[in-house]
Amino acid sequence: MNHLGYYLRRTLAGFRSEWGTNLATVLTLSVAFVLVGSLATVALSLGNQVERWGGADQFQVTAYLRPEAPAADVAQLGAALEAMPEVRAVRHVSGEQARQRLVEAFPEEQDAWASLDATFFPGYVEIGLDPATADEAHYRQLVERVEKLSIVQQVETHGDWYTGVLGIHRAARVLAIALGSLAIFATIFVVAHTIRLNFYRRRRQVEVLRMCGATPWFVRVPFLLEGLFGSVLAAGIALGAIALFVATVRDRLVDVAPVLGRTPIQHLPAVVWAGFVTVAAAIGLTGAWLSVGKALKA
């Protein structure tokens, strides 16, 4: 316990004595963490949008029904679609249900939706094809057959749109992983360089400690804690900046592009925050360990 207090005092004293170098390091790490965290936020938000709009099915089809379509014909259409092996799911949405969806998506316009008659909102049938059994030919053939039905007034397809958004989502995810991997090595190097510089600036203190019989571990721990503290502080700054950015931009995106829904961009989950801080701590400890170990052998 006495050693722990000593380590903490040495760490804080060292951080204050080399505040300029340590501040530059913290800011550098923060920028790297912000870039990685921002890409992770974009990838997560795009993934959620893809799930909300198109589900896991890239061949989503929506068949809008004519207002006068008999219920029996609609039920027959649904049964015929469900019997197809390539169809994953069929869902009939009535006009009233369509209005309720709009109310849930845009509650601030609830009065406007309520003032409109239910017949204003066309009912529709959502059709999802199973990618495991349905190829592009099945997709096009189904669309052509549904368009010819007398109870259908319009068919809207989302396959091309979904493929494009999914491609952006995958690219953002791959870029986040690649940049994250690169950032890990770069930040370890930055931490190692900073701790090595601090070590040589305090070499006389280290030599006095070693002359008094201090073990390498006793000398090493304060520098390890410096690396840990600086990296965790940088991660905290980065996460705070990302959270502030998301909170500021989210409401504006809703106003500019209401089709994106109430949550076009989302905060990172708590588990990602915890993982982010854990990785930052590991980076600080690794960089400091490599740096001090090499310096002690010199």
C-alpha atoms as a PDB file:
ATOM      1  CA  MET A   1       0.000   0.000   0.000  1.00  0.00           C
ATOM      2  CA  ASN A   2       2.896   2.353   0.801  1.00  0.00           C
ATOM      3  CA  HIS A   3       4.450   1.523  -2.549  1.00  0.00           C
ATOM      4  CA  LEU A   4       1.167   2.296  -4.309  1.00  0.00           C
ATOM      5  CA  GLY A   5       1.042   5.753  -2.764  1.00  0.00           C
ATOM      6  CA  TYR A   6       4.647   6.333  -3.772  1.00  0.00           C
ATOM      7  CA  TYR A   7       3.954   5.196  -7.331  1.00  0.00           C
ATOM      8  CA  LEU A   8       0.988   7.534  -7.646  1.00  0.00           C
ATOM      9  CA  ARG A   9       2.935  10.503  -6.272  1.00  0.00           C
ATOM     10  CA  ARG A  10       5.821   9.816  -8.635  1.00  0.00           C
ATOM     11  CA  THR A  11       3.427   9.470 -11.557  1.00  0.00           C
ATOM     12  CA  LEU A  12       1.637  12.757 -10.886  1.00  0.00           C
ATOM     13  CA  ALA A  13       4.908  14.561 -10.207  1.00  0.00           C
ATOM     14  CA  GLY A  14       6.386  13.254 -13.440  1.00  0.00           C
ATOM     15  CA  PHE A  15       3.281  14.174 -15.396  1.00  0.00           C
ATOM     16  CA  ARG A  16       3.381  17.717 -14.035  1.00  0.00           C
ATOM     17  CA  SER A  17       7.120  18.193 -14.524  1.00  0.00           C
ATOM     18  CA  GLU A  18       6.880  17.208 -18.198  1.00  0.00           C
ATOM     19  CA  TRP A  19       3.451  18.702 -18.758  1.00  0.00           C
ATOM     20  CA  GLY A  20       4.256  20.151 -22.188  1.00  0.00           C
ATOM     21  CA  THR A  21       5.418  16.865 -23.664  1.00  0.00           C
ATOM     22  CA  ASN A  22       2.642  14.920 -21.982  1.00  0.00           C
ATOM     23  CA  LEU A  23      -0.024  17.396 -23.125  1.00  0.00           C
ATOM     24  CA  ALA A  24       1.161  17.135 -26.728  1.00  0.00           C
ATOM     25  CA  THR A  25       1.060  13.353 -26.450  1.00  0.00           C
ATOM     26  CA  VAL A  26      -2.446  13.333 -24.970  1.00  0.00           C
ATOM     27  CA  LEU A  27      -3.740  15.618 -27.731  1.00  0.00           C
ATOM     28  CA  THR A  28      -2.072  13.491 -30.415  1.00  0.00           C
ATOM     29  CA  LEU A  29      -3.617  10.333 -29.003  1.00  0.00           C
ATOM     30  CA  SER A  30      -6.988  12.079 -28.709  1.00  0.00           C
ATOM     31  CA  VAL A  31      -6.982  12.964 -32.411  1.00  0.00           C
ATOM     32  CA  ALA A  32      -6.179   9.361 -33.345  1.00  0.00           C
ATOM     33  CA  PHE A  33      -8.885   8.032 -31.026  1.00  0.00           C
ATOM     34  CA  VAL A  34     -11.429  10.542 -32.377  1.00  0.00           C
ATOM     35  CA  LEU A  35     -10.798   9.376 -35.948  1.00  0.00           C
ATOM     36  CA  VAL A  36     -11.228   5.721 -35.030  1.00  0.00           C
ATOM     37  CA  GLY A  37     -14.227   6.386 -32.795  1.00  0.00           C
ATOM     38  CA  SER A  38     -15.922   8.539 -35.433  1.00  0.00           C
ATOM     39  CA  LEU A  39     -15.593   5.830 -38.060  1.00  0.00           C
ATOM     40  CA  ALA A  40     -16.928   3.272 -35.586  1.00  0.00           C
ATOM     41  CA  THR A  41     -19.890   5.562 -34.882  1.00  0.00           C
ATOM     42  CA  VAL A  42     -20.628   5.979 -38.589  1.00  0.00           C
ATOM     43  CA  ALA A  43     -20.352   2.225 -39.208  1.00  0.00           C
ATOM     44  CA  LEU A  44     -22.671   1.458 -36.289  1.00  0.00           C
ATOM     45  CA  SER A  45     -25.241   4.060 -37.348  1.00  0.00           C
ATOM     46  CA  LEU A  46     -25.219   2.872 -40.961  1.00  0.00           C
ATOM     47  CA  GLY A  47     -25.682  -0.702 -39.794  1.00  0.00           C
ATOM     48  CA  ASN A  48     -28.681   0.291 -37.705  1.00  0.00           C
ATOM     49  CA  GLN A  49     -30.180   2.229 -40.615  1.00  0.00           C
ATOM     50  CA  VAL A  50     -29.735  -0.761 -42.910  1.00  0.00           C
ATOM     51  CA  GLU A  51     -31.467  -3.011 -40.397  1.00  0.00           C
ATOM     52  CA  ARG A  52     -34.275  -0.496 -39.873  1.00  0.00           C
ATOM     53  CA  TRP A  53     -34.936   0.119 -43.568  1.00  0.00           C
ATOM     54  CA  GLY A  54     -34.126  -3.131 -45.258  1.00  0.00           C
ATOM     55  CA  GLY A  55     -33.570  -5.743 -42.624  1.00  0.00           C
ATOM     56  CA  ALA A  56     -31.123  -8.490 -43.421  1.00  0.00           C
ATOM     57  CA  ASP A  57     -32.690  -8.968 -46.864  1.00  0.00           C
ATOM     58  CA  GLN A  58     -31.238  -7.153 -49.847  1.00  0.00           C
ATOM     59  CA  PHE A  59     -34.255  -8.062 -52.063  1.00  0.00           C
ATOM     60  CA  GLN A  60     -36.920  -6.151 -50.142  1.00  0.00           C
ATOM     61  CA  VAL A  61     -40.025  -5.383 -52.227  1.00  0.00           C
ATOM     62  CA  THR A  62     -43.033  -3.233 -51.302  1.00  0.00           C
ATOM     63  CA  ALA A  63     -46.275  -3.642 -53.267  1.00  0.00           C
ATOM     64  CA  TYR A  64     -48.672  -0.715 -52.729  1.00  0.00           C
ATOM     65  CA  LEU A  65     -52.306  -1.798 -52.977  1.00  0.00           C
ATOM     66  CA  ARG A  66     -55.183   0.025 -54.615  1.00  0.00           C
ATOM     67  CA  PRO A  67     -57.658   1.531 -52.103  1.00  0.00           C
ATOM     68  CA  GLU A  68     -60.482  -0.582 -53.515  1.00  0.00           C
ATOM     69  CA  ALA A  69     -58.509  -3.855 -53.282  1.00  0.00           C
ATOM     70  CA  PRO A  70     -60.781  -6.547 -51.731  1.00  0.00           C
ATOM     71  CA  ALA A  71     -59.522  -8.031 -48.483  1.00  0.00           C
ATOM     72  CA  ALA A  72     -59.990 -11.533 -49.871  1.00  0.00           C
ATOM     73  CA  ASP A  73     -57.710 -10.775 -52.828  1.00  0.00           C
ATOM     74  CA  VAL A  74     -55.080  -9.286 -50.505  1.00  0.00           C
ATOM     75  CA  ALA A  75     -55.192 -12.393 -48.320  1.00  0.00           C
ATOM     76  CA  GLN A  76     -54.908 -14.588 -51.408  1.00  0.00           C
ATOM     77  CA  LEU A  77     -51.877 -12.602 -52.576  1.00  0.00           C
ATOM     78  CA  GLY A  78     -50.201 -13.036 -49.203  1.00  0.00           C
ATOM     79  CA  ALA A  79     -50.850 -16.785 -49.179  1.00  0.00           C
ATOM     80  CA  ALA A  80     -49.471 -17.159 -52.707  1.00  0.00           C
ATOM     81  CA  LEU A  81     -46.324 -15.245 -51.829  1.00  0.00           C
ATOM     82  CA  GLU A  82     -45.732 -17.221 -48.640  1.00  0.00           C
ATOM     83  CA  ALA A  83     -45.957 -20.452 -50.631  1.00  0.00           C
ATOM     84  CA  MET A  84     -42.974 -19.432 -52.761  1.00  0.00           C
ATOM     85  CA  PRO A  85     -39.747 -21.093 -51.528  1.00  0.00           C
ATOM     86  CA  GLU A  86     -37.658 -18.008 -52.249  1.00  0.00           C
ATOM     87  CA  VAL A  87     -39.863 -15.726 -50.136  1.00  0.00           C
ATOM     88  CA  ARG A  88     -38.603 -15.255 -46.592  1.00  0.00           C
ATOM     89  CA  ALA A  89     -41.414 -13.150 -45.141  1.00  0.00           C
ATOM     90  CA  VAL A  90     -44.660 -11.441 -46.138  1.00  0.00           C
ATOM     91  CA  ARG A  91     -46.267  -8.675 -44.125  1.00  0.00           C
ATOM     92  CA  HIS A  92     -49.502  -6.821 -44.908  1.00  0.00           C
ATOM     93  CA  VAL A  93     -49.668  -3.243 -43.610  1.00  0.00           C
ATOM     94  CA  SER A  94     -53.066  -1.563 -43.687  1.00  0.00           C
ATOM     95  CA  GLY A  95     -53.582   2.151 -44.260  1.00  0.00           C
ATOM     96  CA  GLU A  96     -54.203   2.723 -40.553  1.00  0.00           C
ATOM     97  CA  GLN A  97     -51.030   0.826 -39.662  1.00  0.00           C
ATOM     98  CA  ALA A  98     -49.101   2.881 -42.214  1.00  0.00           C
ATOM     99  CA  ARG A  99     -50.325   6.077 -40.557  1.00  0.00           C
ATOM    100  CA  GLN A 100     -49.369   4.723 -37.132  1.00  0.00           C
ATOM    101  CA  ARG A 101     -45.866   4.011 -38.414  1.00  0.00           C
ATOM    102  CA  LEU A 102     -45.537   7.624 -39.498  1.00  0.00           C
ATOM    103  CA  VAL A 103     -46.772   8.817 -36.105  1.00  0.00           C
ATOM    104  CA  GLU A 104     -44.167   6.666 -34.352  1.00  0.00           C
ATOM    105  CA  ALA A 105     -41.398   7.801 -36.686  1.00  0.00           C
ATOM    106  CA  PHE A 106     -42.324  11.509 -36.558  1.00  0.00           C
ATOM    107  CA  PRO A 107     -44.336  12.179 -33.374  1.00  0.00           C
ATOM    108  CA  GLU A 108     -43.979  15.937 -33.802  1.00  0.00           C
ATOM    109  CA  GLU A 109     -46.293  15.672 -36.852  1.00  0.00           C
ATOM    110  CA  GLN A 110     -48.886  13.564 -35.034  1.00  0.00           C
ATOM    111  CA  ASP A 111     -51.675  16.136 -35.413  1.00  0.00           C
ATOM    112  CA  ALA A 112     -51.080  16.390 -39.158  1.00  0.00           C
ATOM    113  CA  TRP A 113     -51.251  12.612 -39.619  1.00  0.00           C
ATOM    114  CA  ALA A 114     -54.384  12.387 -37.454  1.00  0.00           C
ATOM    115  CA  SER A 115     -56.174  15.007 -39.570  1.00  0.00           C
ATOM    116  CA  LEU A 116     -55.869  12.821 -42.670  1.00  0.00           C
ATOM    117  CA  ASP A 117     -58.328  10.046 -43.400  1.00  0.00           C
ATOM    118  CA  ALA A 118     -57.005   6.489 -43.233  1.00  0.00           C
ATOM    119  CA  THR A 119     -57.802   6.071 -46.942  1.00  0.00           C
ATOM    120  CA  PHE A 120     -55.128   8.690 -47.666  1.00  0.00           C
ATOM    121  CA  PHE A 121     -52.505   6.133 -46.674  1.00  0.00           C
ATOM    122  CA  PRO A 122     -52.338   3.225 -49.113  1.00  0.00           C
ATOM    123  CA  GLY A 123     -52.039  -0.234 -47.680  1.00  0.00           C
ATOM    124  CA  TYR A 124     -49.118  -2.278 -48.868  1.00  0.00           C
ATOM    125  CA  VAL A 125     -47.522  -5.694 -48.731  1.00  0.00           C
ATOM    126  CA  GLU A 126     -43.875  -6.042 -47.743  1.00  0.00           C
ATOM    127  CA  ILE A 127     -42.091  -8.963 -49.386  1.00  0.00           C
ATOM    128  CA  GLY A 128     -38.714 -10.233 -48.288  1.00  0.00           C
ATOM    129  CA  LEU A 129     -36.769 -12.767 -50.339  1.00  0.00           C
ATOM    130  CA  ASP A 130     -34.327 -15.176 -48.777  1.00  0.00           C
ATOM    131  CA  PRO A 131     -30.821 -14.440 -50.170  1.00  0.00           C
ATOM    132  CA  ALA A 132     -29.913 -18.106 -49.616  1.00  0.00           C
ATOM    133  CA  THR A 133     -32.450 -19.309 -52.204  1.00  0.00           C
ATOM    134  CA  ALA A 134     -33.381 -16.226 -54.231  1.00  0.00           C
ATOM    135  CA  ASP A 135     -31.051 -14.791 -56.828  1.00  0.00           C
ATOM    136  CA  GLU A 136     -31.379 -11.718 -59.037  1.00  0.00           C
ATOM    137  CA  ALA A 137     -33.546 -13.629 -61.520  1.00  0.00           C
ATOM    138  CA  HIS A 138     -36.042 -14.599 -58.803  1.00  0.00           C
ATOM    139  CA  TYR A 139     -36.096 -11.002 -57.652  1.00  0.00           C
ATOM    140  CA  ARG A 140     -36.845  -9.525 -61.083  1.00  0.00           C
ATOM    141  CA  GLN A 141     -39.379 -12.217 -61.909  1.00  0.00           C
ATOM    142  CA  LEU A 142     -41.299 -11.643 -58.689  1.00  0.00           C
ATOM    143  CA  VAL A 143     -41.407  -7.888 -59.256  1.00  0.00           C
ATOM    144  CA  GLU A 144     -42.765  -8.347 -62.789  1.00  0.00           C
ATOM    145  CA  ARG A 145     -45.468 -10.754 -61.616  1.00  0.00           C
ATOM    146  CA  VAL A 146     -46.601  -8.544 -58.745  1.00  0.00           C
ATOM    147  CA  GLU A 147     -46.722  -5.440 -60.966  1.00  0.00           C
ATOM    148  CA  LYS A 148     -49.242  -7.169 -63.260  1.00  0.00           C
ATOM    149  CA  LEU A 149     -51.754  -7.801 -60.465  1.00  0.00           C
ATOM    150  CA  SER A 150     -54.903  -5.684 -60.657  1.00  0.00           C
ATOM    151  CA  ILE A 151     -54.950  -4.945 -56.917  1.00  0.00           C
ATOM    152  CA  VAL A 152     -51.415  -3.500 -57.024  1.00  0.00           C
ATOM    153  CA  GLN A 153     -50.952   0.109 -58.086  1.00  0.00           C
ATOM    154  CA  GLN A 154     -47.197   0.427 -57.614  1.00  0.00           C
ATOM    155  CA  VAL A 155     -44.197  -1.737 -56.730  1.00  0.00           C
ATOM    156  CA  GLU A 156     -41.222  -0.225 -54.984  1.00  0.00           C
ATOM    157  CA  THR A 157     -37.941  -2.108 -54.877  1.00  0.00           C
ATOM    158  CA  HIS A 158     -35.063  -1.510 -52.510  1.00  0.00           C
ATOM    159  CA  GLY A 159     -32.532  -4.037 -53.726  1.00  0.00           C
ATOM    160  CA  ASP A 160     -30.232  -1.595 -55.535  1.00  0.00           C
ATOM    161  CA  TRP A 161     -30.543   1.004 -52.795  1.00  0.00           C
ATOM    162  CA  TYR A 162     -29.886  -1.525 -50.069  1.00  0.00           C
ATOM    163  CA  THR A 163     -26.861  -2.910 -51.906  1.00  0.00           C
ATOM    164  CA  GLY A 164     -25.395   0.594 -52.165  1.00  0.00           C
ATOM    165  CA  VAL A 165     -25.951   1.443 -48.513  1.00  0.00           C
ATOM    166  CA  LEU A 166     -24.679  -1.969 -47.448  1.00  0.00           C
ATOM    167  CA  GLY A 167     -21.530  -1.367 -49.483  1.00  0.00           C
ATOM    168  CA  ILE A 168     -20.953   1.954 -47.712  1.00  0.00           C
ATOM    169  CA  HIS A 169     -21.567   0.268 -44.368  1.00  0.00           C
ATOM    170  CA  ARG A 170     -19.061  -2.486 -45.111  1.00  0.00           C
ATOM    171  CA  ALA A 171     -16.499   0.022 -46.366  1.00  0.00           C
ATOM    172  CA  ALA A 172     -16.872   2.114 -43.205  1.00  0.00           C
ATOM    173  CA  ARG A 173     -16.511  -0.980 -41.039  1.00  0.00           C
ATOM    174  CA  VAL A 174     -13.406  -2.191 -42.889  1.00  0.00           C
ATOM    175  CA  LEU A 175     -11.926   1.304 -42.807  1.00  0.00           C
ATOM    176  CA  ALA A 176     -12.591   1.561 -39.069  1.00  0.00           C
ATOM    177  CA  ILE A 177     -10.862  -1.771 -38.459  1.00  0.00           C
ATOM    178  CA  ALA A 178      -7.916  -0.872 -40.694  1.00  0.00           C
ATOM    179  CA  LEU A 179      -7.514   2.601 -39.230  1.00  0.00           C
ATOM    180  CA  GLY A 180      -7.939   1.191 -35.730  1.00  0.00           C
ATOM    181  CA  SER A 181      -5.175  -1.351 -36.301  1.00  0.00           C
ATOM    182  CA  LEU A 182      -2.898   1.325 -37.708  1.00  0.00           C
ATOM    183  CA  ALA A 183      -3.761   3.674 -34.846  1.00  0.00           C
ATOM    184  CA  ILE A 184      -2.828   1.032 -32.268  1.00  0.00           C
ATOM    185  CA  PHE A 185       0.716   0.718 -33.600  1.00  0.00           C
ATOM    186  CA  ALA A 186       1.072   4.469 -34.147  1.00  0.00           C
ATOM    187  CA  THR A 187      -0.134   5.380 -30.660  1.00  0.00           C
ATOM    188  CA  ILE A 188       2.075   2.728 -29.045  1.00  0.00           C
ATOM    189  CA  PHE A 189       5.015   4.359 -30.814  1.00  0.00           C
ATOM    190  CA  VAL A 190       3.940   7.831 -29.633  1.00  0.00           C
ATOM    191  CA  VAL A 191       3.585   6.664 -26.021  1.00  0.00           C
ATOM    192  CA  ALA A 192       6.911   4.818 -26.150  1.00  0.00           C
ATOM    193  CA  HIS A 193       8.687   7.875 -27.529  1.00  0.00           C
ATOM    194  CA  THR A 194       7.180  10.156 -24.874  1.00  0.00           C
ATOM    195  CA  ILE A 195       7.994   7.840 -21.972  1.00  0.00           C
ATOM    196  CA  ARG A 196      11.531   7.312 -23.258  1.00  0.00           C
ATOM    197  CA  LEU A 197      12.005  11.081 -23.428  1.00  0.00           C
ATOM    198  CA  ASN A 198      10.648  11.496 -19.895  1.00  0.00           C
ATOM    199  CA  PHE A 199      12.872   8.668 -18.684  1.00  0.00           C
ATOM    200  CA  TYR A 200      16.054  10.275 -19.993  1.00  0.00           C
ATOM    201  CA  ARG A 201      15.074  13.643 -18.580  1.00  0.00           C
ATOM    202  CA  ARG A 202      14.808  12.006 -15.161  1.00  0.00           C
ATOM    203  CA  ARG A 203      17.794   9.728 -15.577  1.00  0.00           C
ATOM    204  CA  ARG A 204      19.566  11.149 -12.516  1.00  0.00           C
ATOM    205  CA  GLN A 205      16.584  10.301 -10.322  1.00  0.00           C
ATOM    206  CA  VAL A 206      16.585   6.792 -11.745  1.00  0.00           C
ATOM    207  CA  GLU A 207      20.318   6.390 -11.128  1.00  0.00           C
ATOM    208  CA  VAL A 208      19.933   7.506  -7.505  1.00  0.00           C
ATOM    209  CA  LEU A 209      17.119   5.008  -6.990  1.00  0.00           C
ATOM    210  CA  ARG A 210      19.163   2.179  -8.473  1.00  0.00           C
ATOM    211  CA  MET A 211      22.179   3.110  -6.344  1.00  0.00           C
ATOM    212  CA  CYS A 212      19.907   2.852  -3.295  1.00  0.00           C
ATOM    213  CA  GLY A 213      18.951  -0.685  -4.277  1.00  0.00           C
ATOM    214  CA  ALA A 214      15.679  -0.061  -6.112  1.00  0.00           C
ATOM    215  CA  THR A 215      14.591  -2.955  -8.301  1.00  0.00           C
ATOM    216  CA  PRO A 216      13.901  -2.457 -12.026  1.00  0.00           C
ATOM    217  CA  TRP A 217      10.205  -3.013 -11.299  1.00  0.00           C
ATOM    218  CA  PHE A 218      10.211  -0.282  -8.643  1.00  0.00           C
ATOM    219  CA  VAL A 219      11.728   2.123 -11.179  1.00  0.00           C
ATOM    220  CA  ARG A 220       9.473   0.994 -14.012  1.00  0.00           C
ATOM    221  CA  VAL A 221       6.020   1.289 -12.388  1.00  0.00           C
ATOM    222  CA  PRO A 222       5.721   5.131 -12.265  1.00  0.00           C
ATOM    223  CA  PHE A 223       6.515   5.334 -15.979  1.00  0.00           C
ATOM    224  CA  LEU A 224       3.986   2.600 -16.722  1.00  0.00           C
ATOM    225  CA  LEU A 225       1.361   4.557 -14.827  1.00  0.00           C
ATOM    226  CA  GLU A 226       2.265   7.693 -16.787  1.00  0.00           C
ATOM    227  CA  GLY A 227       1.626   5.872 -20.049  1.00  0.00           C
ATOM    228  CA  LEU A 228      -1.598   4.402 -18.682  1.00  0.00           C
ATOM    229  CA  PHE A 229      -2.874   7.722 -17.348  1.00  0.00           C
ATOM    230  CA  GLY A 230      -2.076   9.639 -20.537  1.00  0.00           C
ATOM    231  CA  SER A 231      -3.737   7.088 -22.819  1.00  0.00           C
ATOM    232  CA  VAL A 232      -6.884   6.769 -20.707  1.00  0.00           C
ATOM    233  CA  LEU A 233      -7.140  10.557 -20.467  1.00  0.00           C
ATOM    234  CA  ALA A 234      -6.846  10.814 -24.257  1.00  0.00           C
ATOM    235  CA  ALA A 235      -9.548   8.159 -24.692  1.00  0.00           C
ATOM    236  CA  GLY A 236     -11.836  10.067 -22.331  1.00  0.00           C
ATOM    237  CA  ILE A 237     -11.326  13.292 -24.266  1.00  0.00           C
ATOM    238  CA  ALA A 238     -11.986  11.521 -27.570  1.00  0.00           C
ATOM    239  CA  LEU A 239     -15.157   9.810 -26.353  1.00  0.00           C
ATOM    240  CA  GLY A 240     -16.425  13.076 -24.894  1.00  0.00           C
ATOM    241  CA  ALA A 241     -15.807  14.873 -28.184  1.00  0.00           C
ATOM    242  CA  ILE A 242     -17.585  12.133 -30.150  1.00  0.00           C
ATOM    243  CA  ALA A 243     -20.564  12.128 -27.767  1.00  0.00           C
ATOM    244  CA  LEU A 244     -20.850  15.918 -28.006  1.00  0.00           C
ATOM    245  CA  PHE A 245     -20.665  15.770 -31.796  1.00  0.00           C
ATOM    246  CA  VAL A 246     -23.367  13.083 -32.014  1.00  0.00           C
ATOM    247  CA  ALA A 247     -25.675  14.974 -29.645  1.00  0.00           C
ATOM    248  CA  THR A 248     -25.215  18.184 -31.652  1.00  0.00           C
ATOM    249  CA  VAL A 249     -25.556  16.737 -35.144  1.00  0.00           C
ATOM    250  CA  ARG A 250     -28.330  14.203 -34.554  1.00  0.00           C
ATOM    251  CA  ASP A 251     -31.195  16.695 -34.168  1.00  0.00           C
ATOM    252  CA  ARG A 252     -29.985  18.742 -37.113  1.00  0.00           C
ATOM    253  CA  LEU A 253     -29.890  15.648 -39.323  1.00  0.00           C
ATOM    254  CA  VAL A 254     -33.489  14.899 -38.373  1.00  0.00           C
ATOM    255  CA  ASP A 255     -34.500  18.380 -39.565  1.00  0.00           C
ATOM    256  CA  VAL A 256     -32.464  18.197 -42.773  1.00  0.00           C
ATOM    257  CA  ALA A 257     -33.260  14.575 -43.677  1.00  0.00           C
ATOM    258  CA  PRO A 258     -36.375  13.395 -41.806  1.00  0.00           C
ATOM    259  CA  VAL A 259     -36.430  10.170 -43.818  1.00  0.00           C
ATOM    260  CA  LEU A 260     -33.507   9.031 -41.688  1.00  0.00           C
ATOM    261  CA  GLY A 261     -35.803   8.820 -38.660  1.00  0.00           C
ATOM    262  CA  ARG A 262     -35.300  10.045 -35.121  1.00  0.00           C
ATOM    263  CA  THR A 263     -31.881   8.463 -34.657  1.00  0.00           C
ATOM    264  CA  PRO A 264     -29.881   8.832 -37.893  1.00  0.00           C
ATOM    265  CA  ILE A 265     -26.639   8.728 -35.918  1.00  0.00           C
ATOM    266  CA  GLN A 266     -26.282   7.004 -32.593  1.00  0.00           C
ATOM    267  CA  HIS A 267     -23.966   7.003 -29.608  1.00  0.00           C
ATOM    268  CA  LEU A 268     -21.582   4.098 -29.243  1.00  0.00           C
ATOM    269  CA  PRO A 269     -22.897   1.402 -26.877  1.00  0.00           C
ATOM    270  CA  ALA A 270     -21.512   1.247 -23.347  1.00  0.00           C
ATOM    271  CA  VAL A 271     -19.659  -1.973 -24.116  1.00  0.00           C
ATOM    272  CA  VAL A 272     -17.832  -0.239 -26.980  1.00  0.00           C
ATOM    273  CA  TRP A 273     -16.936   2.645 -24.673  1.00  0.00           C
ATOM    274  CA  ALA A 274     -15.523   0.182 -22.151  1.00  0.00           C
ATOM    275  CA  GLY A 275     -13.601  -1.633 -24.870  1.00  0.00           C
ATOM    276  CA  PHE A 276     -12.286   1.670 -26.201  1.00  0.00           C
ATOM    277  CA  VAL A 277     -10.915   2.680 -22.798  1.00  0.00           C
ATOM    278  CA  THR A 278      -9.489  -0.808 -22.226  1.00  0.00           C
ATOM    279  CA  VAL A 279      -7.621  -0.758 -25.533  1.00  0.00           C
ATOM    280  CA  ALA A 280      -6.333   2.744 -24.750  1.00  0.00           C
ATOM    281  CA  ALA A 281      -5.062   1.525 -21.375  1.00  0.00           C
ATOM    282  CA  ALA A 282      -3.344  -1.437 -23.044  1.00  0.00           C
ATOM    283  CA  ILE A 283      -1.729   0.921 -25.563  1.00  0.00           C
ATOM    284  CA  GLY A 284      -0.362   3.127 -22.787  1.00  0.00           C
ATOM    285  CA  LEU A 285       1.003   0.215 -20.780  1.00  0.00           C
ATOM    286  CA  THR A 286       2.525  -1.479 -23.829  1.00  0.00           C
ATOM    287  CA  GLY A 287       4.252   1.646 -25.084  1.00  0.00           C
ATOM    288  CA  ALA A 288       5.599   2.509 -21.642  1.00  0.00           C
ATOM    289  CA  TRP A 289       6.730  -1.070 -20.960  1.00  0.00           C
ATOM    290  CA  LEU A 290       8.675  -1.321 -24.210  1.00  0.00           C
ATOM    291  CA  SER A 291      10.229   2.095 -23.749  1.00  0.00           C
ATOM    292  CA  VAL A 292      11.300   1.743 -20.115  1.00  0.00           C
ATOM    293  CA  GLY A 293      12.497  -1.825 -20.614  1.00  0.00           C
ATOM    294  CA  LYS A 294      14.796  -0.723 -23.412  1.00  0.00           C
ATOM    295  CA  ALA A 295      15.985   2.317 -21.446  1.00  0.00           C
ATOM    296  CA  LEU A 296      16.828   0.244 -18.357  1.00  0.00           C
ATOM    297  CA  LYS A 297      18.973  -2.091 -20.438  1.00  0.00           C
ATOM    298  CA  ALA A 298      20.893   0.811 -21.953  1.00  0.00           C
END
